[in-house]
Amino acid sequence: DFCHLEQDIKAAEEGGAKWLHIDVMDGMFVPAI
């Protein structure tokens, strides 16, 4: 939820996640931006 992005990341970290996957899309290689 990008309205609460920091909180969501912290919640994942609290659960024990060590990595964060960051999908960067350009609207060309894939349709979405």
ModelCIF file with pLDDT and N, C-alpha, C, O atoms, coordinates in Angstrom:
data_MODEL
#
_entry.id   MODEL 
#
_entity.id                         1 
_entity.type                       polymer 
_entity.pdbx_number_of_molecules   1 
#
_entity_poly.entity_id                      1 
_entity_poly.type                           'polypeptide(L)' 
_entity_poly.nstd_linkage                   no 
_entity_poly.nstd_monomer                   no 
_entity_poly.pdbx_seq_one_letter_code       DFCHLEQDIKAAEEGGAKWLHIDVMDGMFVPAI 
_entity_poly.pdbx_seq_one_letter_code_can   DFCHLEQDIKAAEEGGAKWLHIDVMDGMFVPAI 
_entity_poly.pdbx_strand_id                 A 
#
loop_
_entity_poly_seq.entity_id 
_entity_poly_seq.num 
_entity_poly_seq.mon_id 
_entity_poly_seq.hetero 
1 1  ASP n 
1 2  PHE n 
1 3  CYS n 
1 4  HIS n 
1 5  LEU n 
1 6  GLU n 
1 7  GLN n 
1 8  ASP n 
1 9  ILE n 
1 10 LYS n 
1 11 ALA n 
1 12 ALA n 
1 13 GLU n 
1 14 GLU n 
1 15 GLY n 
1 16 GLY n 
1 17 ALA n 
1 18 LYS n 
1 19 TRP n 
1 20 LEU n 
1 21 HIS n 
1 22 ILE n 
1 23 ASP n 
1 24 VAL n 
1 25 MET n 
1 26 ASP n 
1 27 GLY n 
1 28 MET n 
1 29 PHE n 
1 30 VAL n 
1 31 PRO n 
1 32 ALA n 
1 33 ILE n 
#
_struct_asym.id          A 
_struct_asym.entity_id   1 
#
loop_
_ma_qa_metric.id 
_ma_qa_metric.mode 
_ma_qa_metric.name 
_ma_qa_metric.software_group_id 
_ma_qa_metric.type 
1 global pLDDT . pLDDT 
2 local  pLDDT . pLDDT 
#
_ma_qa_metric_global.metric_id      1 
_ma_qa_metric_global.metric_value   96.52 
_ma_qa_metric_global.model_id       1 
_ma_qa_metric_global.ordinal_id     1 
#
loop_
_ma_qa_metric_local.label_asym_id 
_ma_qa_metric_local.label_comp_id 
_ma_qa_metric_local.label_seq_id 
_ma_qa_metric_local.metric_id 
_ma_qa_metric_local.metric_value 
_ma_qa_metric_local.model_id 
_ma_qa_metric_local.ordinal_id 
A ASP 1  2 97.00 1 1  
A PHE 2  2 96.00 1 2  
A CYS 3  2 97.00 1 3  
A HIS 4  2 96.00 1 4  
A LEU 5  2 98.00 1 5  
A GLU 6  2 98.00 1 6  
A GLN 7  2 98.00 1 7  
A ASP 8  2 98.00 1 8  
A ILE 9  2 98.00 1 9  
A LYS 10 2 98.00 1 10 
A ALA 11 2 98.00 1 11 
A ALA 12 2 98.00 1 12 
A GLU 13 2 98.00 1 13 
A GLU 14 2 98.00 1 14 
A GLY 15 2 98.00 1 15 
A GLY 16 2 98.00 1 16 
A ALA 17 2 98.00 1 17 
A LYS 18 2 98.00 1 18 
A TRP 19 2 98.00 1 19 
A LEU 20 2 98.00 1 20 
A HIS 21 2 98.00 1 21 
A ILE 22 2 98.00 1 22 
A ASP 23 2 97.00 1 23 
A VAL 24 2 97.00 1 24 
A MET 25 2 96.00 1 25 
A ASP 26 2 94.00 1 26 
A GLY 27 2 94.00 1 27 
A MET 28 2 93.00 1 28 
A PHE 29 2 95.00 1 29 
A VAL 30 2 93.00 1 30 
A PRO 31 2 91.00 1 31 
A ALA 32 2 92.00 1 32 
A ILE 33 2 93.00 1 33 
#
loop_
_atom_site.group_PDB 
_atom_site.id 
_atom_site.type_symbol 
_atom_site.label_atom_id 
_atom_site.label_alt_id 
_atom_site.label_comp_id 
_atom_site.label_asym_id 
_atom_site.label_entity_id 
_atom_site.label_seq_id 
_atom_site.pdbx_PDB_ins_code 
_atom_site.Cartn_x 
_atom_site.Cartn_y 
_atom_site.Cartn_z 
_atom_site.occupancy 
_atom_site.B_iso_or_equiv 
_atom_site.pdbx_formal_charge 
_atom_site.auth_seq_id 
_atom_site.auth_comp_id 
_atom_site.auth_asym_id 
_atom_site.auth_atom_id 
_atom_site.pdbx_PDB_model_num 
ATOM 1   N N  . ASP A 1 1  ? 0.860  -1.181  0.000   1.00 97.00 ? 1  ASP A N  1 
ATOM 2   C CA . ASP A 1 1  ? 0.000  0.000   0.000   1.00 97.00 ? 1  ASP A CA 1 
ATOM 3   C C  . ASP A 1 1  ? 0.897  1.233   0.000   1.00 97.00 ? 1  ASP A C  1 
ATOM 4   O O  . ASP A 1 1  ? 1.550  1.529   1.000   1.00 97.00 ? 1  ASP A O  1 
ATOM 5   N N  . PHE A 1 2  ? 0.929  1.944   -1.112  1.00 96.00 ? 2  PHE A N  1 
ATOM 6   C CA . PHE A 1 2  ? 1.853  3.069   -1.237  1.00 96.00 ? 2  PHE A CA 1 
ATOM 7   C C  . PHE A 1 2  ? 1.441  4.283   -0.408  1.00 96.00 ? 2  PHE A C  1 
ATOM 8   O O  . PHE A 1 2  ? 2.202  5.245   -0.301  1.00 96.00 ? 2  PHE A O  1 
ATOM 9   N N  . CYS A 1 3  ? 0.253  4.248   0.174   1.00 97.00 ? 3  CYS A N  1 
ATOM 10  C CA . CYS A 1 3  ? -0.115 5.278   1.143   1.00 97.00 ? 3  CYS A CA 1 
ATOM 11  C C  . CYS A 1 3  ? 0.594  5.038   2.474   1.00 97.00 ? 3  CYS A C  1 
ATOM 12  O O  . CYS A 1 3  ? 0.741  5.946   3.293   1.00 97.00 ? 3  CYS A O  1 
ATOM 13  N N  . HIS A 1 4  ? 1.029  3.788   2.670   1.00 96.00 ? 4  HIS A N  1 
ATOM 14  C CA . HIS A 1 4  ? 1.658  3.416   3.935   1.00 96.00 ? 4  HIS A CA 1 
ATOM 15  C C  . HIS A 1 4  ? 2.891  2.555   3.656   1.00 96.00 ? 4  HIS A C  1 
ATOM 16  O O  . HIS A 1 4  ? 3.105  1.533   4.307   1.00 96.00 ? 4  HIS A O  1 
ATOM 17  N N  . LEU A 1 5  ? 3.686  2.975   2.693   1.00 98.00 ? 5  LEU A N  1 
ATOM 18  C CA . LEU A 1 5  ? 4.776  2.123   2.223   1.00 98.00 ? 5  LEU A CA 1 
ATOM 19  C C  . LEU A 1 5  ? 5.794  1.836   3.318   1.00 98.00 ? 5  LEU A C  1 
ATOM 20  O O  . LEU A 1 5  ? 6.218  0.691   3.477   1.00 98.00 ? 5  LEU A O  1 
ATOM 21  N N  . GLU A 1 6  ? 6.191  2.848   4.071   1.00 98.00 ? 6  GLU A N  1 
ATOM 22  C CA . GLU A 1 6  ? 7.174  2.626   5.134   1.00 98.00 ? 6  GLU A CA 1 
ATOM 23  C C  . GLU A 1 6  ? 6.646  1.630   6.167   1.00 98.00 ? 6  GLU A C  1 
ATOM 24  O O  . GLU A 1 6  ? 7.374  0.740   6.606   1.00 98.00 ? 6  GLU A O  1 
ATOM 25  N N  . GLN A 1 7  ? 5.370  1.783   6.555   1.00 98.00 ? 7  GLN A N  1 
ATOM 26  C CA . GLN A 1 7  ? 4.792  0.868   7.541   1.00 98.00 ? 7  GLN A CA 1 
ATOM 27  C C  . GLN A 1 7  ? 4.747  -0.559  7.017   1.00 98.00 ? 7  GLN A C  1 
ATOM 28  O O  . GLN A 1 7  ? 5.017  -1.504  7.758   1.00 98.00 ? 7  GLN A O  1 
ATOM 29  N N  . ASP A 1 8  ? 4.403  -0.718  5.732   1.00 98.00 ? 8  ASP A N  1 
ATOM 30  C CA . ASP A 1 8  ? 4.346  -2.057  5.145   1.00 98.00 ? 8  ASP A CA 1 
ATOM 31  C C  . ASP A 1 8  ? 5.736  -2.706  5.122   1.00 98.00 ? 8  ASP A C  1 
ATOM 32  O O  . ASP A 1 8  ? 5.881  -3.894  5.413   1.00 98.00 ? 8  ASP A O  1 
ATOM 33  N N  . ILE A 1 9  ? 6.737  -1.924  4.777   1.00 98.00 ? 9  ILE A N  1 
ATOM 34  C CA . ILE A 1 9  ? 8.106  -2.443  4.757   1.00 98.00 ? 9  ILE A CA 1 
ATOM 35  C C  . ILE A 1 9  ? 8.534  -2.851  6.165   1.00 98.00 ? 9  ILE A C  1 
ATOM 36  O O  . ILE A 1 9  ? 9.119  -3.917  6.356   1.00 98.00 ? 9  ILE A O  1 
ATOM 37  N N  . LYS A 1 10 ? 8.244  -2.011  7.134   1.00 98.00 ? 10 LYS A N  1 
ATOM 38  C CA . LYS A 1 10 ? 8.600  -2.314  8.522   1.00 98.00 ? 10 LYS A CA 1 
ATOM 39  C C  . LYS A 1 10 ? 7.889  -3.580  9.004   1.00 98.00 ? 10 LYS A C  1 
ATOM 40  O O  . LYS A 1 10 ? 8.465  -4.376  9.745   1.00 98.00 ? 10 LYS A O  1 
ATOM 41  N N  . ALA A 1 11 ? 6.629  -3.763  8.579   1.00 98.00 ? 11 ALA A N  1 
ATOM 42  C CA . ALA A 1 11 ? 5.878  -4.953  8.975   1.00 98.00 ? 11 ALA A CA 1 
ATOM 43  C C  . ALA A 1 11 ? 6.517  -6.213  8.399   1.00 98.00 ? 11 ALA A C  1 
ATOM 44  O O  . ALA A 1 11 ? 6.592  -7.235  9.080   1.00 98.00 ? 11 ALA A O  1 
ATOM 45  N N  . ALA A 1 12 ? 6.979  -6.147  7.147   1.00 98.00 ? 12 ALA A N  1 
ATOM 46  C CA . ALA A 1 12 ? 7.660  -7.291  6.533   1.00 98.00 ? 12 ALA A CA 1 
ATOM 47  C C  . ALA A 1 12 ? 8.976  -7.576  7.243   1.00 98.00 ? 12 ALA A C  1 
ATOM 48  O O  . ALA A 1 12 ? 9.342  -8.730  7.466   1.00 98.00 ? 12 ALA A O  1 
ATOM 49  N N  . GLU A 1 13 ? 9.674  -6.512  7.593   1.00 98.00 ? 13 GLU A N  1 
ATOM 50  C CA . GLU A 1 13 ? 10.947 -6.657  8.301   1.00 98.00 ? 13 GLU A CA 1 
ATOM 51  C C  . GLU A 1 13 ? 10.723 -7.256  9.691   1.00 98.00 ? 13 GLU A C  1 
ATOM 52  O O  . GLU A 1 13 ? 11.510 -8.083  10.150  1.00 98.00 ? 13 GLU A O  1 
ATOM 53  N N  . GLU A 1 14 ? 9.669  -6.841  10.340  1.00 98.00 ? 14 GLU A N  1 
ATOM 54  C CA . GLU A 1 14 ? 9.350  -7.370  11.664  1.00 98.00 ? 14 GLU A CA 1 
ATOM 55  C C  . GLU A 1 14 ? 9.060  -8.863  11.615  1.00 98.00 ? 14 GLU A C  1 
ATOM 56  O O  . GLU A 1 14 ? 9.342  -9.590  12.568  1.00 98.00 ? 14 GLU A O  1 
ATOM 57  N N  . GLY A 1 15 ? 8.502  -9.311  10.512  1.00 98.00 ? 15 GLY A N  1 
ATOM 58  C CA . GLY A 1 15 ? 8.234  -10.732 10.343  1.00 98.00 ? 15 GLY A CA 1 
ATOM 59  C C  . GLY A 1 15 ? 9.477  -11.559 10.102  1.00 98.00 ? 15 GLY A C  1 
ATOM 60  O O  . GLY A 1 15 ? 9.445  -12.784 10.216  1.00 98.00 ? 15 GLY A O  1 
ATOM 61  N N  . GLY A 1 16 ? 10.581 -10.893 9.767   1.00 98.00 ? 16 GLY A N  1 
ATOM 62  C CA . GLY A 1 16 ? 11.845 -11.593 9.566   1.00 98.00 ? 16 GLY A CA 1 
ATOM 63  C C  . GLY A 1 16 ? 12.406 -11.515 8.164   1.00 98.00 ? 16 GLY A C  1 
ATOM 64  O O  . GLY A 1 16 ? 13.455 -12.101 7.898   1.00 98.00 ? 16 GLY A O  1 
ATOM 65  N N  . ALA A 1 17 ? 11.746 -10.813 7.255   1.00 98.00 ? 17 ALA A N  1 
ATOM 66  C CA . ALA A 1 17 ? 12.261 -10.678 5.891   1.00 98.00 ? 17 ALA A CA 1 
ATOM 67  C C  . ALA A 1 17 ? 13.538 -9.840  5.889   1.00 98.00 ? 17 ALA A C  1 
ATOM 68  O O  . ALA A 1 17 ? 13.608 -8.798  6.540   1.00 98.00 ? 17 ALA A O  1 
ATOM 69  N N  . LYS A 1 18 ? 14.537 -10.301 5.159   1.00 98.00 ? 18 LYS A N  1 
ATOM 70  C CA . LYS A 1 18 ? 15.822 -9.601  5.069   1.00 98.00 ? 18 LYS A CA 1 
ATOM 71  C C  . LYS A 1 18 ? 16.005 -8.889  3.734   1.00 98.00 ? 18 LYS A C  1 
ATOM 72  O O  . LYS A 1 18 ? 16.800 -7.956  3.618   1.00 98.00 ? 18 LYS A O  1 
ATOM 73  N N  . TRP A 1 19 ? 15.261 -9.340  2.729   1.00 98.00 ? 19 TRP A N  1 
ATOM 74  C CA . TRP A 1 19 ? 15.345 -8.756  1.390   1.00 98.00 ? 19 TRP A CA 1 
ATOM 75  C C  . TRP A 1 19 ? 14.048 -8.032  1.070   1.00 98.00 ? 19 TRP A C  1 
ATOM 76  O O  . TRP A 1 19 ? 13.002 -8.308  1.658   1.00 98.00 ? 19 TRP A O  1 
ATOM 77  N N  . LEU A 1 20 ? 14.136 -7.092  0.120   1.00 98.00 ? 20 LEU A N  1 
ATOM 78  C CA . LEU A 1 20 ? 12.969 -6.382  -0.392  1.00 98.00 ? 20 LEU A CA 1 
ATOM 79  C C  . LEU A 1 20 ? 13.076 -6.340  -1.911  1.00 98.00 ? 20 LEU A C  1 
ATOM 80  O O  . LEU A 1 20 ? 14.077 -5.874  -2.456  1.00 98.00 ? 20 LEU A O  1 
ATOM 81  N N  . HIS A 1 21 ? 12.046 -6.827  -2.591  1.00 98.00 ? 21 HIS A N  1 
ATOM 82  C CA . HIS A 1 21 ? 12.044 -6.887  -4.051  1.00 98.00 ? 21 HIS A CA 1 
ATOM 83  C C  . HIS A 1 21 ? 11.412 -5.615  -4.611  1.00 98.00 ? 21 HIS A C  1 
ATOM 84  O O  . HIS A 1 21 ? 10.289 -5.258  -4.257  1.00 98.00 ? 21 HIS A O  1 
ATOM 85  N N  . ILE A 1 22 ? 12.151 -4.939  -5.489  1.00 98.00 ? 22 ILE A N  1 
ATOM 86  C CA . ILE A 1 22 ? 11.732 -3.644  -6.021  1.00 98.00 ? 22 ILE A CA 1 
ATOM 87  C C  . ILE A 1 22 ? 11.584 -3.759  -7.529  1.00 98.00 ? 22 ILE A C  1 
ATOM 88  O O  . ILE A 1 22 ? 12.576 -3.790  -8.257  1.00 98.00 ? 22 ILE A O  1 
ATOM 89  N N  . ASP A 1 23 ? 10.331 -3.823  -8.000  1.00 97.00 ? 23 ASP A N  1 
ATOM 90  C CA . ASP A 1 23 ? 10.042 -4.005  -9.425  1.00 97.00 ? 23 ASP A CA 1 
ATOM 91  C C  . ASP A 1 23 ? 9.951  -2.659  -10.136 1.00 97.00 ? 23 ASP A C  1 
ATOM 92  O O  . ASP A 1 23 ? 9.030  -1.881  -9.886  1.00 97.00 ? 23 ASP A O  1 
ATOM 93  N N  . VAL A 1 24 ? 10.893 -2.392  -11.008 1.00 97.00 ? 24 VAL A N  1 
ATOM 94  C CA . VAL A 1 24 ? 10.922 -1.146  -11.775 1.00 97.00 ? 24 VAL A CA 1 
ATOM 95  C C  . VAL A 1 24 ? 10.483 -1.447  -13.201 1.00 97.00 ? 24 VAL A C  1 
ATOM 96  O O  . VAL A 1 24 ? 11.150 -2.195  -13.916 1.00 97.00 ? 24 VAL A O  1 
ATOM 97  N N  . MET A 1 25 ? 9.354  -0.862  -13.617 1.00 96.00 ? 25 MET A N  1 
ATOM 98  C CA . MET A 1 25 ? 8.782  -1.130  -14.938 1.00 96.00 ? 25 MET A CA 1 
ATOM 99  C C  . MET A 1 25 ? 8.701  0.172   -15.741 1.00 96.00 ? 25 MET A C  1 
ATOM 100 O O  . MET A 1 25 ? 8.340  1.221   -15.208 1.00 96.00 ? 25 MET A O  1 
ATOM 101 N N  . ASP A 1 26 ? 9.040  0.086   -17.026 1.00 94.00 ? 26 ASP A N  1 
ATOM 102 C CA . ASP A 1 26 ? 9.171  1.310   -17.824 1.00 94.00 ? 26 ASP A CA 1 
ATOM 103 C C  . ASP A 1 26 ? 8.046  1.552   -18.825 1.00 94.00 ? 26 ASP A C  1 
ATOM 104 O O  . ASP A 1 26 ? 8.060  2.567   -19.521 1.00 94.00 ? 26 ASP A O  1 
ATOM 105 N N  . GLY A 1 27 ? 7.059  0.635   -18.916 1.00 94.00 ? 27 GLY A N  1 
ATOM 106 C CA . GLY A 1 27 ? 5.995  0.809   -19.892 1.00 94.00 ? 27 GLY A CA 1 
ATOM 107 C C  . GLY A 1 27 ? 6.403  0.455   -21.311 1.00 94.00 ? 27 GLY A C  1 
ATOM 108 O O  . GLY A 1 27 ? 5.620  0.627   -22.245 1.00 94.00 ? 27 GLY A O  1 
ATOM 109 N N  . MET A 1 28 ? 7.619  -0.035  -21.479 1.00 93.00 ? 28 MET A N  1 
ATOM 110 C CA . MET A 1 28 ? 8.114  -0.429  -22.797 1.00 93.00 ? 28 MET A CA 1 
ATOM 111 C C  . MET A 1 28 ? 8.466  -1.918  -22.827 1.00 93.00 ? 28 MET A C  1 
ATOM 112 O O  . MET A 1 28 ? 7.920  -2.672  -23.633 1.00 93.00 ? 28 MET A O  1 
ATOM 113 N N  . PHE A 1 29 ? 9.371  -2.333  -21.956 1.00 95.00 ? 29 PHE A N  1 
ATOM 114 C CA . PHE A 1 29 ? 9.679  -3.761  -21.880 1.00 95.00 ? 29 PHE A CA 1 
ATOM 115 C C  . PHE A 1 29 ? 8.470  -4.544  -21.390 1.00 95.00 ? 29 PHE A C  1 
ATOM 116 O O  . PHE A 1 29 ? 8.205  -5.652  -21.857 1.00 95.00 ? 29 PHE A O  1 
ATOM 117 N N  . VAL A 1 30 ? 7.746  -3.964  -20.452 1.00 93.00 ? 30 VAL A N  1 
ATOM 118 C CA . VAL A 1 30 ? 6.454  -4.493  -20.010 1.00 93.00 ? 30 VAL A CA 1 
ATOM 119 C C  . VAL A 1 30 ? 5.426  -3.383  -20.169 1.00 93.00 ? 30 VAL A C  1 
ATOM 120 O O  . VAL A 1 30 ? 5.799  -2.210  -20.164 1.00 93.00 ? 30 VAL A O  1 
ATOM 121 N N  . PRO A 1 31 ? 4.153  -3.708  -20.308 1.00 91.00 ? 31 PRO A N  1 
ATOM 122 C CA . PRO A 1 31 ? 3.148  -2.672  -20.549 1.00 91.00 ? 31 PRO A CA 1 
ATOM 123 C C  . PRO A 1 31 ? 2.981  -1.679  -19.400 1.00 91.00 ? 31 PRO A C  1 
ATOM 124 O O  . PRO A 1 31 ? 2.665  -0.510  -19.624 1.00 91.00 ? 31 PRO A O  1 
ATOM 125 N N  . ALA A 1 32 ? 3.192  -2.145  -18.184 1.00 92.00 ? 32 ALA A N  1 
ATOM 126 C CA . ALA A 1 32 ? 2.915  -1.303  -17.015 1.00 92.00 ? 32 ALA A CA 1 
ATOM 127 C C  . ALA A 1 32 ? 4.077  -0.365  -16.705 1.00 92.00 ? 32 ALA A C  1 
ATOM 128 O O  . ALA A 1 32 ? 5.217  -0.607  -17.100 1.00 92.00 ? 32 ALA A O  1 
ATOM 129 N N  . ILE A 1 33 ? 3.758  0.710   -15.989 1.00 93.00 ? 33 ILE A N  1 
ATOM 130 C CA . ILE A 1 33 ? 4.751  1.608   -15.410 1.00 93.00 ? 33 ILE A CA 1 
ATOM 131 C C  . ILE A 1 33 ? 4.574  1.519   -13.894 1.00 93.00 ? 33 ILE A C  1 
ATOM 132 O O  . ILE A 1 33 ? 5.294  2.184   -13.148 1.00 93.00 ? 33 ILE A O  1 
#
